[in-house]
Amino acid sequence: MDLDRATSTRLAGSPDELALALRTLADKDAVRALGALYSIAVDDHDLATVVRCFAPDGTFTRAGTTYAGHDVLRDFYAGMMDRYVTTLHIPNSHVIEVDTEAGTATGLLTGQAELALDGRLLMATYRYTDAYVRLDDRWVFAARELSFMYNVPVEQMPTSFAGSDRVRLPGAPYAEADYPETLPTWTTYRD
């Protein structure tokens, strides 16, 4: 996300600019609601609502695999809901850049989750990198990509956080976290 663009404001100089600014604020609020309602629907195992959060050709990417279209997304999320008994997704910060006239937006949403998997409690911190599209007057995900800072059994939190192998799902080999080590600023911040 562009810091200057995301944190700058300009007062409207005309009624048309004022109307556009108001619509942009309404669009951002609708996108924030989409992010929150998606999390609630996942936690509630409300499969129909989760799928409706996506455009008909919308995509979800997780661990390098992309799932596209309502039928494929329905199958993917049903499988996840079968696997994870109880989940609690807590969205945190959500930065959104909207092109109101085009009906498109991008966003970065951070969050935390508590997940019950194979009789164990997992703790996770995640980011969603999103592309949104307005269909008629409703915002939906055009693309959503999930990345993890960590996703580990709660009892491993004290020993896993300092290493980079912070994706530790039961029954699977440990995996490298998606961030922050892979971010361009991670090693270049002193340059």
N, C-alpha and C. Protein backbone atom coordinates (compact mmCIF):
# COMPACT_ATOMS: atom_id res chain seq x y z
N MET A 1 0.85 -1.17 0.00
CA MET A 1 0.00 0.00 0.00
C MET A 1 0.89 1.24 0.00
N ASP A 2 0.43 2.26 -0.66
CA ASP A 2 1.16 3.51 -0.74
C ASP A 2 0.80 4.37 0.48
N LEU A 3 1.78 4.64 1.34
CA LEU A 3 1.56 5.39 2.58
C LEU A 3 0.96 6.76 2.30
N ASP A 4 1.52 7.49 1.35
CA ASP A 4 1.04 8.84 1.08
C ASP A 4 -0.40 8.83 0.56
N ARG A 5 -0.68 7.93 -0.36
CA ARG A 5 -2.03 7.88 -0.93
C ARG A 5 -3.05 7.43 0.11
N ALA A 6 -2.66 6.48 0.96
CA ALA A 6 -3.61 5.94 1.93
C ALA A 6 -3.85 6.88 3.12
N THR A 7 -2.94 7.82 3.36
CA THR A 7 -3.08 8.66 4.54
C THR A 7 -3.27 10.14 4.23
N SER A 8 -3.46 10.48 2.98
CA SER A 8 -3.64 11.88 2.59
C SER A 8 -5.11 12.19 2.32
N THR A 9 -5.47 13.42 2.61
CA THR A 9 -6.82 13.89 2.31
C THR A 9 -6.74 15.21 1.58
N ARG A 10 -7.79 15.51 0.86
CA ARG A 10 -7.89 16.78 0.14
C ARG A 10 -9.35 17.20 0.22
N LEU A 11 -9.57 18.44 0.60
CA LEU A 11 -10.94 18.92 0.68
C LEU A 11 -11.53 19.06 -0.72
N ALA A 12 -12.79 18.75 -0.82
CA ALA A 12 -13.49 18.86 -2.10
C ALA A 12 -13.62 20.33 -2.49
N GLY A 13 -13.37 20.61 -3.77
CA GLY A 13 -13.46 21.99 -4.25
C GLY A 13 -14.74 22.27 -5.02
N SER A 14 -15.54 21.24 -5.25
CA SER A 14 -16.78 21.43 -6.00
C SER A 14 -17.82 20.42 -5.52
N PRO A 15 -19.08 20.64 -5.86
CA PRO A 15 -20.10 19.66 -5.47
C PRO A 15 -19.82 18.27 -6.04
N ASP A 16 -19.29 18.19 -7.26
CA ASP A 16 -18.98 16.88 -7.84
C ASP A 16 -17.87 16.18 -7.06
N GLU A 17 -16.84 16.94 -6.66
CA GLU A 17 -15.76 16.37 -5.86
C GLU A 17 -16.27 15.93 -4.49
N LEU A 18 -17.18 16.69 -3.92
CA LEU A 18 -17.77 16.34 -2.63
C LEU A 18 -18.57 15.04 -2.74
N ALA A 19 -19.35 14.91 -3.81
CA ALA A 19 -20.13 13.68 -4.02
C ALA A 19 -19.19 12.48 -4.19
N LEU A 20 -18.11 12.66 -4.94
CA LEU A 20 -17.15 11.57 -5.14
C LEU A 20 -16.48 11.20 -3.82
N ALA A 21 -16.10 12.20 -3.01
CA ALA A 21 -15.47 11.93 -1.72
C ALA A 21 -16.42 11.18 -0.80
N LEU A 22 -17.69 11.56 -0.80
CA LEU A 22 -18.68 10.88 0.03
C LEU A 22 -18.88 9.44 -0.42
N ARG A 23 -18.95 9.22 -1.74
CA ARG A 23 -19.11 7.86 -2.26
C ARG A 23 -17.88 7.01 -1.92
N THR A 24 -16.69 7.61 -1.98
CA THR A 24 -15.47 6.89 -1.64
C THR A 24 -15.50 6.45 -0.18
N LEU A 25 -15.92 7.33 0.72
CA LEU A 25 -16.04 6.96 2.14
C LEU A 25 -17.05 5.82 2.32
N ALA A 26 -18.19 5.91 1.63
CA ALA A 26 -19.20 4.85 1.73
C ALA A 26 -18.65 3.54 1.17
N ASP A 27 -17.89 3.62 0.08
CA ASP A 27 -17.29 2.41 -0.50
C ASP A 27 -16.30 1.78 0.47
N LYS A 28 -15.44 2.59 1.10
CA LYS A 28 -14.48 2.04 2.06
C LYS A 28 -15.20 1.38 3.23
N ASP A 29 -16.27 1.99 3.70
CA ASP A 29 -17.01 1.41 4.82
C ASP A 29 -17.64 0.07 4.41
N ALA A 30 -18.16 0.00 3.20
CA ALA A 30 -18.74 -1.26 2.71
C ALA A 30 -17.67 -2.35 2.58
N VAL A 31 -16.48 -1.99 2.14
CA VAL A 31 -15.39 -2.97 2.02
C VAL A 31 -14.96 -3.45 3.41
N ARG A 32 -14.89 -2.54 4.38
CA ARG A 32 -14.57 -2.95 5.76
C ARG A 32 -15.63 -3.92 6.29
N ALA A 33 -16.90 -3.62 6.02
CA ALA A 33 -17.98 -4.52 6.44
C ALA A 33 -17.83 -5.89 5.78
N LEU A 34 -17.45 -5.92 4.51
CA LEU A 34 -17.22 -7.19 3.82
C LEU A 34 -16.16 -8.01 4.54
N GLY A 35 -15.04 -7.38 4.91
CA GLY A 35 -13.98 -8.09 5.61
C GLY A 35 -14.44 -8.65 6.94
N ALA A 36 -15.20 -7.87 7.69
CA ALA A 36 -15.69 -8.33 8.99
C ALA A 36 -16.73 -9.43 8.84
N LEU A 37 -17.67 -9.26 7.92
CA LEU A 37 -18.74 -10.25 7.75
C LEU A 37 -18.20 -11.57 7.19
N TYR A 38 -17.17 -11.51 6.36
CA TYR A 38 -16.51 -12.72 5.88
C TYR A 38 -15.97 -13.52 7.07
N SER A 39 -15.26 -12.85 7.99
CA SER A 39 -14.71 -13.54 9.16
C SER A 39 -15.81 -14.18 10.00
N ILE A 40 -16.87 -13.45 10.22
CA ILE A 40 -17.99 -13.98 10.99
C ILE A 40 -18.60 -15.18 10.29
N ALA A 41 -18.79 -15.09 8.99
CA ALA A 41 -19.39 -16.20 8.23
C ALA A 41 -18.50 -17.44 8.28
N VAL A 42 -17.17 -17.26 8.17
CA VAL A 42 -16.26 -18.40 8.28
C VAL A 42 -16.41 -19.04 9.66
N ASP A 43 -16.39 -18.23 10.70
CA ASP A 43 -16.50 -18.76 12.07
C ASP A 43 -17.85 -19.44 12.32
N ASP A 44 -18.91 -18.92 11.68
CA ASP A 44 -20.25 -19.49 11.85
C ASP A 44 -20.50 -20.70 10.95
N HIS A 45 -19.53 -21.06 10.12
CA HIS A 45 -19.70 -22.11 9.10
C HIS A 45 -20.90 -21.79 8.21
N ASP A 46 -21.05 -20.52 7.88
CA ASP A 46 -22.11 -20.05 6.99
C ASP A 46 -21.56 -20.05 5.56
N LEU A 47 -21.54 -21.22 4.99
CA LEU A 47 -20.90 -21.44 3.69
C LEU A 47 -21.51 -20.57 2.59
N ALA A 48 -22.82 -20.43 2.58
CA ALA A 48 -23.48 -19.63 1.54
C ALA A 48 -23.01 -18.18 1.60
N THR A 49 -22.90 -17.62 2.79
CA THR A 49 -22.46 -16.23 2.91
C THR A 49 -20.99 -16.09 2.54
N VAL A 50 -20.15 -17.03 2.96
CA VAL A 50 -18.73 -16.96 2.58
C VAL A 50 -18.60 -16.91 1.07
N VAL A 51 -19.28 -17.76 0.37
CA VAL A 51 -19.18 -17.80 -1.10
C VAL A 51 -19.72 -16.51 -1.71
N ARG A 52 -20.80 -15.96 -1.15
CA ARG A 52 -21.37 -14.70 -1.66
C ARG A 52 -20.44 -13.52 -1.46
N CYS A 53 -19.44 -13.66 -0.59
CA CYS A 53 -18.46 -12.59 -0.40
C CYS A 53 -17.54 -12.43 -1.60
N PHE A 54 -17.56 -13.38 -2.52
CA PHE A 54 -16.68 -13.38 -3.68
C PHE A 54 -17.47 -13.08 -4.96
N ALA A 55 -16.79 -12.46 -5.91
CA ALA A 55 -17.33 -12.32 -7.27
C ALA A 55 -17.52 -13.72 -7.85
N PRO A 56 -18.41 -13.90 -8.82
CA PRO A 56 -18.60 -15.23 -9.41
C PRO A 56 -17.30 -15.88 -9.89
N ASP A 57 -16.35 -15.07 -10.36
CA ASP A 57 -15.05 -15.60 -10.79
C ASP A 57 -13.95 -15.27 -9.78
N GLY A 58 -14.34 -14.91 -8.56
CA GLY A 58 -13.40 -14.52 -7.53
C GLY A 58 -12.45 -15.64 -7.16
N THR A 59 -11.29 -15.26 -6.60
CA THR A 59 -10.27 -16.25 -6.24
C THR A 59 -9.86 -16.10 -4.79
N PHE A 60 -9.42 -17.22 -4.21
CA PHE A 60 -8.83 -17.25 -2.88
C PHE A 60 -7.53 -18.03 -3.02
N THR A 61 -6.42 -17.45 -2.54
CA THR A 61 -5.11 -18.09 -2.63
C THR A 61 -4.59 -18.34 -1.22
N ARG A 62 -4.15 -19.57 -1.01
CA ARG A 62 -3.63 -19.99 0.29
C ARG A 62 -2.51 -20.99 0.03
N ALA A 63 -1.36 -20.77 0.65
CA ALA A 63 -0.22 -21.69 0.54
C ALA A 63 0.13 -21.99 -0.92
N GLY A 64 0.06 -20.96 -1.77
CA GLY A 64 0.45 -21.11 -3.17
C GLY A 64 -0.59 -21.74 -4.07
N THR A 65 -1.75 -22.09 -3.54
CA THR A 65 -2.80 -22.69 -4.35
C THR A 65 -3.97 -21.71 -4.45
N THR A 66 -4.47 -21.52 -5.67
CA THR A 66 -5.57 -20.60 -5.92
C THR A 66 -6.84 -21.38 -6.25
N TYR A 67 -7.92 -20.99 -5.61
CA TYR A 67 -9.25 -21.57 -5.83
C TYR A 67 -10.09 -20.48 -6.49
N ALA A 68 -10.75 -20.81 -7.61
CA ALA A 68 -11.45 -19.79 -8.39
C ALA A 68 -12.88 -20.20 -8.70
N GLY A 69 -13.79 -19.25 -8.57
CA GLY A 69 -15.19 -19.46 -8.92
C GLY A 69 -16.00 -20.02 -7.76
N HIS A 70 -17.28 -19.70 -7.76
CA HIS A 70 -18.15 -20.07 -6.64
C HIS A 70 -18.18 -21.57 -6.35
N ASP A 71 -18.26 -22.41 -7.36
CA ASP A 71 -18.34 -23.86 -7.10
C ASP A 71 -17.06 -24.38 -6.45
N VAL A 72 -15.91 -23.96 -6.95
CA VAL A 72 -14.63 -24.40 -6.40
C VAL A 72 -14.45 -23.82 -4.99
N LEU A 73 -14.80 -22.56 -4.81
CA LEU A 73 -14.69 -21.94 -3.48
C LEU A 73 -15.60 -22.64 -2.47
N ARG A 74 -16.80 -22.99 -2.89
CA ARG A 74 -17.72 -23.71 -2.00
C ARG A 74 -17.10 -25.02 -1.52
N ASP A 75 -16.53 -25.78 -2.45
CA ASP A 75 -15.88 -27.05 -2.07
C ASP A 75 -14.68 -26.82 -1.15
N PHE A 76 -13.86 -25.81 -1.47
CA PHE A 76 -12.69 -25.51 -0.64
C PHE A 76 -13.12 -25.15 0.78
N TYR A 77 -14.04 -24.21 0.91
CA TYR A 77 -14.44 -23.77 2.25
C TYR A 77 -15.18 -24.87 3.00
N ALA A 78 -15.96 -25.67 2.34
CA ALA A 78 -16.62 -26.80 3.01
C ALA A 78 -15.58 -27.74 3.59
N GLY A 79 -14.52 -28.00 2.84
CA GLY A 79 -13.43 -28.85 3.33
C GLY A 79 -12.74 -28.23 4.54
N MET A 80 -12.52 -26.92 4.51
CA MET A 80 -11.90 -26.24 5.65
C MET A 80 -12.83 -26.29 6.86
N MET A 81 -14.12 -26.10 6.64
CA MET A 81 -15.07 -26.14 7.75
C MET A 81 -15.18 -27.54 8.34
N ASP A 82 -15.03 -28.56 7.50
CA ASP A 82 -15.00 -29.93 8.01
C ASP A 82 -13.76 -30.17 8.86
N ARG A 83 -12.65 -29.56 8.47
CA ARG A 83 -11.36 -29.81 9.12
C ARG A 83 -11.20 -29.02 10.42
N TYR A 84 -11.55 -27.75 10.39
CA TYR A 84 -11.40 -26.89 11.58
C TYR A 84 -12.73 -26.88 12.34
N VAL A 85 -12.71 -27.44 13.54
CA VAL A 85 -13.93 -27.58 14.33
C VAL A 85 -14.48 -26.22 14.74
N THR A 86 -13.66 -25.44 15.41
CA THR A 86 -14.06 -24.12 15.89
C THR A 86 -13.00 -23.12 15.45
N THR A 87 -13.45 -21.95 14.99
CA THR A 87 -12.51 -20.90 14.63
C THR A 87 -13.02 -19.56 15.16
N LEU A 88 -12.08 -18.68 15.44
CA LEU A 88 -12.40 -17.32 15.81
C LEU A 88 -11.42 -16.41 15.08
N HIS A 89 -11.91 -15.72 14.05
CA HIS A 89 -11.09 -14.79 13.28
C HIS A 89 -11.36 -13.38 13.79
N ILE A 90 -10.30 -12.66 14.09
CA ILE A 90 -10.42 -11.31 14.66
C ILE A 90 -9.71 -10.34 13.72
N PRO A 91 -10.45 -9.68 12.83
CA PRO A 91 -9.81 -8.69 11.96
C PRO A 91 -9.27 -7.53 12.79
N ASN A 92 -8.10 -7.05 12.42
CA ASN A 92 -7.49 -5.92 13.12
C ASN A 92 -7.50 -4.70 12.21
N SER A 93 -6.37 -4.32 11.66
CA SER A 93 -6.31 -3.15 10.80
C SER A 93 -6.73 -3.49 9.38
N HIS A 94 -7.29 -2.52 8.71
CA HIS A 94 -7.77 -2.73 7.34
C HIS A 94 -7.55 -1.42 6.58
N VAL A 95 -6.58 -1.42 5.68
CA VAL A 95 -6.28 -0.26 4.85
C VAL A 95 -6.81 -0.53 3.46
N ILE A 96 -7.56 0.42 2.91
CA ILE A 96 -8.25 0.23 1.64
C ILE A 96 -7.97 1.42 0.73
N GLU A 97 -7.65 1.14 -0.52
CA GLU A 97 -7.54 2.16 -1.55
C GLU A 97 -8.63 1.90 -2.57
N VAL A 98 -9.48 2.88 -2.77
CA VAL A 98 -10.66 2.72 -3.63
C VAL A 98 -10.53 3.58 -4.87
N ASP A 99 -10.86 3.01 -6.01
CA ASP A 99 -11.09 3.77 -7.23
C ASP A 99 -12.61 3.76 -7.42
N THR A 100 -13.26 4.74 -6.84
CA THR A 100 -14.73 4.76 -6.80
C THR A 100 -15.33 4.79 -8.19
N GLU A 101 -14.75 5.56 -9.08
CA GLU A 101 -15.31 5.65 -10.43
C GLU A 101 -15.20 4.33 -11.18
N ALA A 102 -14.10 3.58 -10.97
CA ALA A 102 -13.92 2.29 -11.64
C ALA A 102 -14.67 1.16 -10.93
N GLY A 103 -15.02 1.38 -9.66
CA GLY A 103 -15.68 0.32 -8.89
C GLY A 103 -14.73 -0.80 -8.50
N THR A 104 -13.47 -0.43 -8.25
CA THR A 104 -12.46 -1.40 -7.82
C THR A 104 -11.73 -0.86 -6.60
N ALA A 105 -11.09 -1.74 -5.88
CA ALA A 105 -10.32 -1.34 -4.71
C ALA A 105 -9.29 -2.42 -4.41
N THR A 106 -8.30 -2.03 -3.63
CA THR A 106 -7.32 -2.99 -3.09
C THR A 106 -7.27 -2.76 -1.59
N GLY A 107 -6.83 -3.79 -0.88
CA GLY A 107 -6.76 -3.65 0.56
C GLY A 107 -5.79 -4.61 1.20
N LEU A 108 -5.39 -4.26 2.41
CA LEU A 108 -4.56 -5.11 3.24
C LEU A 108 -5.25 -5.18 4.60
N LEU A 109 -5.64 -6.38 4.99
CA LEU A 109 -6.33 -6.60 6.26
C LEU A 109 -5.47 -7.51 7.11
N THR A 110 -5.20 -7.10 8.35
CA THR A 110 -4.46 -7.94 9.27
C THR A 110 -5.43 -8.52 10.29
N GLY A 111 -5.03 -9.64 10.89
CA GLY A 111 -5.91 -10.23 11.89
C GLY A 111 -5.22 -11.33 12.66
N GLN A 112 -5.95 -11.82 13.63
CA GLN A 112 -5.50 -12.93 14.46
C GLN A 112 -6.61 -13.97 14.48
N ALA A 113 -6.23 -15.22 14.73
CA ALA A 113 -7.22 -16.29 14.77
C ALA A 113 -6.86 -17.32 15.83
N GLU A 114 -7.89 -17.91 16.37
CA GLU A 114 -7.77 -19.08 17.23
C GLU A 114 -8.50 -20.19 16.49
N LEU A 115 -7.84 -21.34 16.34
CA LEU A 115 -8.35 -22.40 15.49
C LEU A 115 -8.26 -23.74 16.20
N ALA A 116 -9.33 -24.52 16.19
CA ALA A 116 -9.30 -25.87 16.75
C ALA A 116 -9.10 -26.86 15.60
N LEU A 117 -7.99 -27.60 15.64
CA LEU A 117 -7.65 -28.54 14.58
C LEU A 117 -7.06 -29.79 15.21
N ASP A 118 -7.63 -30.94 14.92
CA ASP A 118 -7.13 -32.22 15.42
C ASP A 118 -6.98 -32.21 16.95
N GLY A 119 -7.95 -31.63 17.63
CA GLY A 119 -7.94 -31.62 19.09
C GLY A 119 -6.94 -30.66 19.70
N ARG A 120 -6.38 -29.75 18.92
CA ARG A 120 -5.39 -28.80 19.43
C ARG A 120 -5.83 -27.38 19.12
N LEU A 121 -5.41 -26.47 19.98
CA LEU A 121 -5.67 -25.05 19.77
C LEU A 121 -4.48 -24.44 19.04
N LEU A 122 -4.74 -23.82 17.89
CA LEU A 122 -3.71 -23.11 17.13
C LEU A 122 -3.95 -21.61 17.27
N MET A 123 -2.86 -20.88 17.29
CA MET A 123 -2.91 -19.42 17.28
C MET A 123 -2.28 -18.97 15.97
N ALA A 124 -2.90 -17.97 15.35
CA ALA A 124 -2.41 -17.50 14.05
C ALA A 124 -2.50 -15.98 13.98
N THR A 125 -1.54 -15.41 13.26
CA THR A 125 -1.61 -14.02 12.84
C THR A 125 -1.48 -14.03 11.32
N TYR A 126 -2.37 -13.29 10.67
CA TYR A 126 -2.46 -13.37 9.22
C TYR A 126 -2.63 -12.00 8.58
N ARG A 127 -2.42 -11.99 7.27
CA ARG A 127 -2.72 -10.84 6.42
C ARG A 127 -3.50 -11.35 5.23
N TYR A 128 -4.46 -10.56 4.83
CA TYR A 128 -5.14 -10.77 3.56
C TYR A 128 -4.75 -9.63 2.63
N THR A 129 -4.24 -9.96 1.47
CA THR A 129 -4.02 -8.99 0.41
C THR A 129 -5.18 -9.16 -0.55
N ASP A 130 -5.98 -8.12 -0.67
CA ASP A 130 -7.26 -8.23 -1.37
C ASP A 130 -7.36 -7.32 -2.58
N ALA A 131 -8.16 -7.79 -3.54
CA ALA A 131 -8.67 -6.95 -4.62
C ALA A 131 -10.19 -7.07 -4.54
N TYR A 132 -10.87 -5.94 -4.64
CA TYR A 132 -12.32 -5.90 -4.51
C TYR A 132 -12.92 -5.34 -5.79
N VAL A 133 -14.16 -5.70 -6.01
CA VAL A 133 -14.90 -5.15 -7.13
C VAL A 133 -16.33 -4.87 -6.66
N ARG A 134 -16.88 -3.77 -7.17
CA ARG A 134 -18.26 -3.43 -6.86
C ARG A 134 -19.14 -4.00 -7.97
N LEU A 135 -20.02 -4.91 -7.60
CA LEU A 135 -20.98 -5.49 -8.54
C LEU A 135 -22.33 -4.88 -8.21
N ASP A 136 -22.88 -4.15 -9.17
CA ASP A 136 -24.05 -3.32 -8.90
C ASP A 136 -23.64 -2.36 -7.78
N ASP A 137 -24.24 -2.45 -6.61
CA ASP A 137 -23.83 -1.57 -5.50
C ASP A 137 -23.24 -2.36 -4.34
N ARG A 138 -22.84 -3.61 -4.54
CA ARG A 138 -22.32 -4.45 -3.46
C ARG A 138 -20.86 -4.80 -3.74
N TRP A 139 -20.01 -4.58 -2.75
CA TRP A 139 -18.59 -4.91 -2.86
C TRP A 139 -18.36 -6.38 -2.54
N VAL A 140 -17.48 -7.03 -3.31
CA VAL A 140 -17.12 -8.43 -3.11
C VAL A 140 -15.62 -8.58 -3.38
N PHE A 141 -15.09 -9.72 -2.98
CA PHE A 141 -13.69 -10.02 -3.26
C PHE A 141 -13.54 -10.44 -4.73
N ALA A 142 -12.64 -9.78 -5.44
CA ALA A 142 -12.23 -10.26 -6.76
C ALA A 142 -11.11 -11.27 -6.56
N ALA A 143 -10.25 -10.99 -5.58
CA ALA A 143 -9.13 -11.88 -5.24
C ALA A 143 -8.77 -11.65 -3.79
N ARG A 144 -8.48 -12.74 -3.10
CA ARG A 144 -8.08 -12.68 -1.69
C ARG A 144 -6.93 -13.65 -1.51
N GLU A 145 -5.81 -13.15 -0.97
CA GLU A 145 -4.64 -14.00 -0.74
C GLU A 145 -4.29 -13.97 0.75
N LEU A 146 -4.18 -15.14 1.34
CA LEU A 146 -3.89 -15.30 2.76
C LEU A 146 -2.41 -15.56 2.97
N SER A 147 -1.81 -14.86 3.92
CA SER A 147 -0.43 -15.16 4.32
C SER A 147 -0.36 -15.14 5.84
N PHE A 148 0.60 -15.91 6.37
CA PHE A 148 0.73 -16.07 7.81
C PHE A 148 2.07 -15.54 8.33
N MET A 149 2.02 -14.84 9.46
CA MET A 149 3.22 -14.56 10.23
C MET A 149 3.52 -15.77 11.10
N TYR A 150 2.45 -16.37 11.62
CA TYR A 150 2.57 -17.64 12.32
C TYR A 150 1.22 -18.33 12.37
N ASN A 151 1.27 -19.64 12.51
CA ASN A 151 0.08 -20.47 12.70
C ASN A 151 0.60 -21.72 13.41
N VAL A 152 0.55 -21.69 14.75
CA VAL A 152 1.20 -22.73 15.55
C VAL A 152 0.31 -23.18 16.70
N PRO A 153 0.51 -24.41 17.17
CA PRO A 153 -0.18 -24.84 18.39
C PRO A 153 0.19 -23.91 19.55
N VAL A 154 -0.80 -23.59 20.36
CA VAL A 154 -0.60 -22.59 21.42
C VAL A 154 0.56 -22.96 22.34
N GLU A 155 0.78 -24.24 22.60
CA GLU A 155 1.86 -24.62 23.50
C GLU A 155 3.24 -24.40 22.87
N GLN A 156 3.31 -24.20 21.55
CA GLN A 156 4.58 -23.95 20.88
C GLN A 156 4.87 -22.47 20.68
N MET A 157 3.95 -21.61 21.09
CA MET A 157 4.17 -20.17 20.92
C MET A 157 5.49 -19.70 21.55
N PRO A 158 5.82 -20.09 22.78
CA PRO A 158 7.05 -19.57 23.38
C PRO A 158 8.32 -19.98 22.64
N THR A 159 8.32 -21.12 21.98
CA THR A 159 9.55 -21.60 21.34
C THR A 159 9.56 -21.39 19.83
N SER A 160 8.45 -21.08 19.23
CA SER A 160 8.40 -20.97 17.76
C SER A 160 8.58 -19.56 17.25
N PHE A 161 8.30 -18.58 18.05
CA PHE A 161 8.20 -17.22 17.53
C PHE A 161 9.52 -16.66 17.02
N ALA A 162 10.64 -17.05 17.61
CA ALA A 162 11.94 -16.50 17.19
C ALA A 162 12.47 -17.13 15.91
N GLY A 163 11.94 -18.28 15.50
CA GLY A 163 12.40 -18.92 14.27
C GLY A 163 11.53 -18.53 13.10
N SER A 164 11.91 -18.98 11.92
CA SER A 164 11.11 -18.67 10.73
C SER A 164 10.14 -19.78 10.37
N ASP A 165 10.27 -20.96 11.00
CA ASP A 165 9.37 -22.08 10.71
C ASP A 165 8.13 -21.99 11.62
N ARG A 166 7.33 -20.95 11.37
CA ARG A 166 6.22 -20.63 12.25
C ARG A 166 4.86 -21.07 11.70
N VAL A 167 4.84 -21.92 10.71
CA VAL A 167 3.58 -22.54 10.27
C VAL A 167 3.71 -24.01 10.64
N ARG A 168 3.00 -24.39 11.69
CA ARG A 168 3.17 -25.73 12.29
C ARG A 168 1.80 -26.38 12.49
N LEU A 169 1.25 -26.85 11.41
CA LEU A 169 -0.06 -27.50 11.48
C LEU A 169 0.11 -28.95 11.90
N PRO A 170 -0.79 -29.44 12.76
CA PRO A 170 -0.68 -30.85 13.19
C PRO A 170 -0.66 -31.80 11.99
N GLY A 171 0.25 -32.76 12.03
CA GLY A 171 0.33 -33.77 10.98
C GLY A 171 1.04 -33.32 9.72
N ALA A 172 1.59 -32.11 9.71
CA ALA A 172 2.28 -31.60 8.51
C ALA A 172 3.69 -31.15 8.91
N PRO A 173 4.61 -31.19 7.96
CA PRO A 173 5.95 -30.68 8.26
C PRO A 173 5.89 -29.18 8.57
N TYR A 174 6.79 -28.71 9.40
CA TYR A 174 6.88 -27.28 9.67
C TYR A 174 7.16 -26.55 8.35
N ALA A 175 6.63 -25.34 8.25
CA ALA A 175 6.84 -24.54 7.04
C ALA A 175 7.27 -23.13 7.44
N GLU A 176 7.97 -22.49 6.52
CA GLU A 176 8.40 -21.11 6.74
C GLU A 176 7.18 -20.19 6.76
N ALA A 177 7.24 -19.18 7.61
CA ALA A 177 6.19 -18.16 7.63
C ALA A 177 6.24 -17.35 6.34
N ASP A 178 5.10 -16.81 5.96
CA ASP A 178 5.02 -16.03 4.73
C ASP A 178 5.66 -14.65 4.88
N TYR A 179 5.65 -14.11 6.08
CA TYR A 179 6.22 -12.79 6.35
C TYR A 179 6.60 -12.74 7.82
N PRO A 180 7.42 -11.86 8.29
CA PRO A 180 7.95 -10.67 7.61
C PRO A 180 9.28 -10.91 6.88
N GLU A 181 9.90 -12.06 7.09
CA GLU A 181 11.24 -12.28 6.52
C GLU A 181 11.29 -12.14 5.00
N THR A 182 10.18 -12.36 4.32
CA THR A 182 10.17 -12.28 2.85
C THR A 182 9.90 -10.87 2.34
N LEU A 183 9.60 -9.94 3.21
CA LEU A 183 9.31 -8.57 2.77
C LEU A 183 10.59 -7.87 2.36
N PRO A 184 10.54 -7.03 1.33
CA PRO A 184 11.75 -6.37 0.86
C PRO A 184 12.41 -5.48 1.93
N THR A 185 11.64 -4.95 2.83
CA THR A 185 12.20 -4.07 3.86
C THR A 185 12.88 -4.83 4.99
N TRP A 186 12.65 -6.14 5.07
CA TRP A 186 13.15 -6.90 6.21
C TRP A 186 14.68 -6.84 6.34
N THR A 187 15.37 -6.88 5.22
CA THR A 187 16.84 -6.85 5.27
C THR A 187 17.41 -5.54 4.75
N THR A 188 16.59 -4.67 4.22
CA THR A 188 17.11 -3.43 3.61
C THR A 188 16.77 -2.19 4.42
N TYR A 189 16.23 -2.32 5.60
CA TYR A 189 15.77 -1.15 6.35
C TYR A 189 16.88 -0.17 6.71
N ARG A 190 18.12 -0.62 6.71
CA ARG A 190 19.25 0.30 7.03
C ARG A 190 19.85 0.92 5.76
N ASP A 191 19.42 0.48 4.61
CA ASP A 191 19.98 1.02 3.35
C ASP A 191 19.56 2.45 3.12
